Structures are given as C-alpha cells and as structure tokens.
C-alpha atoms as a PDB file:
ATOM      1  CA  MET A   1       0.000   0.000   0.000  1.00  0.00           C
ATOM      2  CA  LEU A   2       2.887   2.341   0.637  1.00  0.00           C
ATOM      3  CA  THR A   3       3.942   2.260  -3.011  1.00  0.00           C
ATOM      4  CA  THR A   4       0.506   3.502  -4.069  1.00  0.00           C
ATOM      5  CA  SER A   5       0.561   6.380  -1.603  1.00  0.00           C
ATOM      6  CA  ASP A   6       1.154  10.002  -2.573  1.00  0.00           C
ATOM      7  CA  TYR A   7       4.874   9.527  -1.864  1.00  0.00           C
ATOM      8  CA  PHE A   8       5.405   7.466  -4.998  1.00  0.00           C
ATOM      9  CA  GLY A   9       2.677   8.775  -7.296  1.00  0.00           C
ATOM     10  CA  LEU A  10       1.594   5.333  -8.503  1.00  0.00           C
ATOM     11  CA  ASN A  11      -2.035   4.322  -9.029  1.00  0.00           C
ATOM     12  CA  SER A  12      -1.214   0.653  -8.566  1.00  0.00           C
ATOM     13  CA  THR A  13       1.664  -1.596  -7.575  1.00  0.00           C
ATOM     14  CA  ARG A  14       1.850  -2.855 -11.141  1.00  0.00           C
ATOM     15  CA  GLY A  15       3.825   0.166 -12.373  1.00  0.00           C
ATOM     16  CA  PRO A  16       3.413   3.054 -14.782  1.00  0.00           C
ATOM     17  CA  GLU A  17       3.207   0.898 -17.928  1.00  0.00           C
ATOM     18  CA  TYR A  18       0.140  -0.858 -16.525  1.00  0.00           C
ATOM     19  CA  ASP A  19      -1.415   2.506 -15.641  1.00  0.00           C
ATOM     20  CA  LYS A  20      -0.779   3.789 -19.194  1.00  0.00           C
ATOM     21  CA  LEU A  21      -2.420   0.732 -20.725  1.00  0.00           C
ATOM     22  CA  LEU A  22      -5.374   1.002 -18.379  1.00  0.00           C
ATOM     23  CA  LYS A  23      -5.855   4.684 -19.197  1.00  0.00           C
ATOM     24  CA  LYS A  24      -5.678   4.039 -22.956  1.00  0.00           C
ATOM     25  CA  ARG A  25      -8.142   1.152 -22.614  1.00  0.00           C
ATOM     26  CA  SER A  26     -10.557   3.366 -20.674  1.00  0.00           C
ATOM     27  CA  ILE A  27     -10.370   6.036 -23.378  1.00  0.00           C
ATOM     28  CA  LEU A  28     -11.113   3.496 -26.101  1.00  0.00           C
ATOM     29  CA  ILE A  29     -13.983   1.902 -24.180  1.00  0.00           C
ATOM     30  CA  ALA A  30     -15.559   5.327 -23.576  1.00  0.00           C
ATOM     31  CA  LYS A  31     -15.835   6.014 -27.323  1.00  0.00           C
ATOM     32  CA  LYS A  32     -19.232   5.519 -28.938  1.00  0.00           C
ATOM     33  CA  SER A  33     -17.688   3.697 -31.883  1.00  0.00           C
ATOM     34  CA  LEU A  34     -14.253   2.395 -32.748  1.00  0.00           C
ATOM     35  CA  THR A  35     -12.407   2.177 -36.019  1.00  0.00           C
ATOM     36  CA  PRO A  36     -11.069  -1.246 -36.982  1.00  0.00           C
ATOM     37  CA  LYS A  37      -7.601  -0.042 -35.937  1.00  0.00           C
ATOM     38  CA  GLU A  38      -8.930   1.067 -32.525  1.00  0.00           C
ATOM     39  CA  ARG A  39     -10.759  -2.254 -32.042  1.00  0.00           C
ATOM     40  CA  LYS A  40      -7.502  -4.104 -32.702  1.00  0.00           C
ATOM     41  CA  GLU A  41      -5.643  -1.782 -30.321  1.00  0.00           C
ATOM     42  CA  LEU A  42      -8.279  -2.374 -27.629  1.00  0.00           C
ATOM     43  CA  GLN A  43      -7.963  -6.128 -28.124  1.00  0.00           C
ATOM     44  CA  ASN A  44      -4.161  -5.934 -27.850  1.00  0.00           C
ATOM     45  CA  ILE A  45      -4.316  -3.757 -24.730  1.00  0.00           C
ATOM     46  CA  THR A  46      -6.846  -6.078 -23.089  1.00  0.00           C
ATOM     47  CA  GLU A  47      -4.639  -9.093 -23.832  1.00  0.00           C
ATOM     48  CA  GLU A  48      -1.586  -7.310 -22.465  1.00  0.00           C
ATOM     49  CA  LEU A  49      -3.422  -6.262 -19.291  1.00  0.00           C
ATOM     50  CA  SER A  50      -4.523  -9.851 -18.737  1.00  0.00           C
ATOM     51  CA  GLN A  51      -0.869 -10.809 -18.284  1.00  0.00           C
ATOM     52  CA  TYR A  52      -0.653  -8.769 -15.082  1.00  0.00           C
ATOM     53  CA  SER A  53      -1.539 -10.374 -11.773  1.00  0.00           C
ATOM     54  CA  SER A  54      -4.819  -9.480 -10.139  1.00  0.00           C
ATOM     55  CA  GLY A  55      -5.724  -8.768  -6.556  1.00  0.00           C
ATOM     56  CA  GLU A  56      -3.327  -6.135  -5.357  1.00  0.00           C
ATOM     57  CA  THR A  57      -5.440  -4.470  -2.663  1.00  0.00           C
ATOM     58  CA  PRO A  58      -6.357  -6.182   0.608  1.00  0.00           C
ATOM     59  CA  ALA A  59     -10.021  -6.242  -0.450  1.00  0.00           C
ATOM     60  CA  GLU A  60      -9.175  -7.833  -3.823  1.00  0.00           C
ATOM     61  CA  MET A  61      -6.937 -10.407  -2.159  1.00  0.00           C
ATOM     62  CA  ALA A  62      -9.672 -11.228   0.367  1.00  0.00           C
ATOM     63  CA  ASP A  63     -12.179 -11.606  -2.477  1.00  0.00           C
ATOM     64  CA  LYS A  64      -9.886 -13.970  -4.345  1.00  0.00           C
ATOM     65  CA  LYS A  65      -9.347 -16.019  -1.195  1.00  0.00           C
ATOM     66  CA  LEU A  66     -13.105 -16.258  -0.598  1.00  0.00           C
ATOM     67  CA  ILE A  67     -13.712 -17.307  -4.199  1.00  0.00           C
ATOM     68  CA  ARG A  68     -11.036 -20.030  -3.944  1.00  0.00           C
ATOM     69  CA  GLU A  69     -12.580 -21.283  -0.684  1.00  0.00           C
ATOM     70  CA  LYS A  70     -16.098 -21.382  -2.163  1.00  0.00           C
ATOM     71  CA  ILE A  71     -14.850 -23.237  -5.244  1.00  0.00           C
ATOM     72  CA  ALA A  72     -13.129 -25.793  -3.017  1.00  0.00           C
ATOM     73  CA  GLU A  73     -16.323 -26.230  -0.958  1.00  0.00           C
ATOM     74  CA  PHE A  74     -18.358 -26.685  -4.119  1.00  0.00           C
ATOM     75  CA  LYS A  75     -15.939 -29.299  -5.467  1.00  0.00           C
ATOM     76  CA  LYS A  76     -16.092 -31.220  -2.189  1.00  0.00           C
ATOM     77  CA  SER A  77     -19.893 -31.190  -2.264  1.00  0.00           C
ATOM     78  CA  GLY A  78     -19.885 -33.354  -5.387  1.00  0.00           C
ATOM     79  CA  LYS A  79     -22.409 -31.124  -7.136  1.00  0.00           C
ATOM     80  CA  VAL A  80     -22.168 -30.854 -10.897  1.00  0.00           C
ATOM     81  CA  ILE A  81     -22.870 -27.821 -13.046  1.00  0.00           C
ATOM     82  CA  LYS A  82     -24.217 -28.667 -16.467  1.00  0.00           C
ATOM     83  CA  ILE A  83     -23.627 -26.100 -19.164  1.00  0.00           C
END
C-alpha cells in the first residue's frame, strides 16, 4: 500500500506501464464507436493487461481467497454444473 501512496505517485503496484495501458483502454472503451484499428488496439491492450496479476489491494486479495474457498467447498460437495 505504501507504493501507491502520494509519496510514490503510482495508481497501482503494477507500475506506470500498466497505468498507461489502463488509461488508454478506458479512453477506447468510452468512445461511442471504434475504427477497426482502434478495435484491434483495444484487443491488444486487453490481452496485455490480462498478463498482469490481479488482486493487489487487501479487499481484492480477500475476495480472491473467498472465491477459492467457495470453489473448493463446491468441489467437495460433489455437485455438478451442467452447461
């Protein structure tokens, strides 16, 4: 959390490149329509962002832990989800 404080000027612990990609993605998503080039750029940015780890805040980490626990409980129950 210290690295995301005002002392360091970072929005996340993932670094400035991540923040740049996120900002560019937000700009593209906010547009009413995209050119084919912009659609491809959005796809590339989304793929690149997916390579970063998730769950950097305590709340996000707690959510991920809860999800893992619930999945484990569900698997132990023997229930089956049919799709």
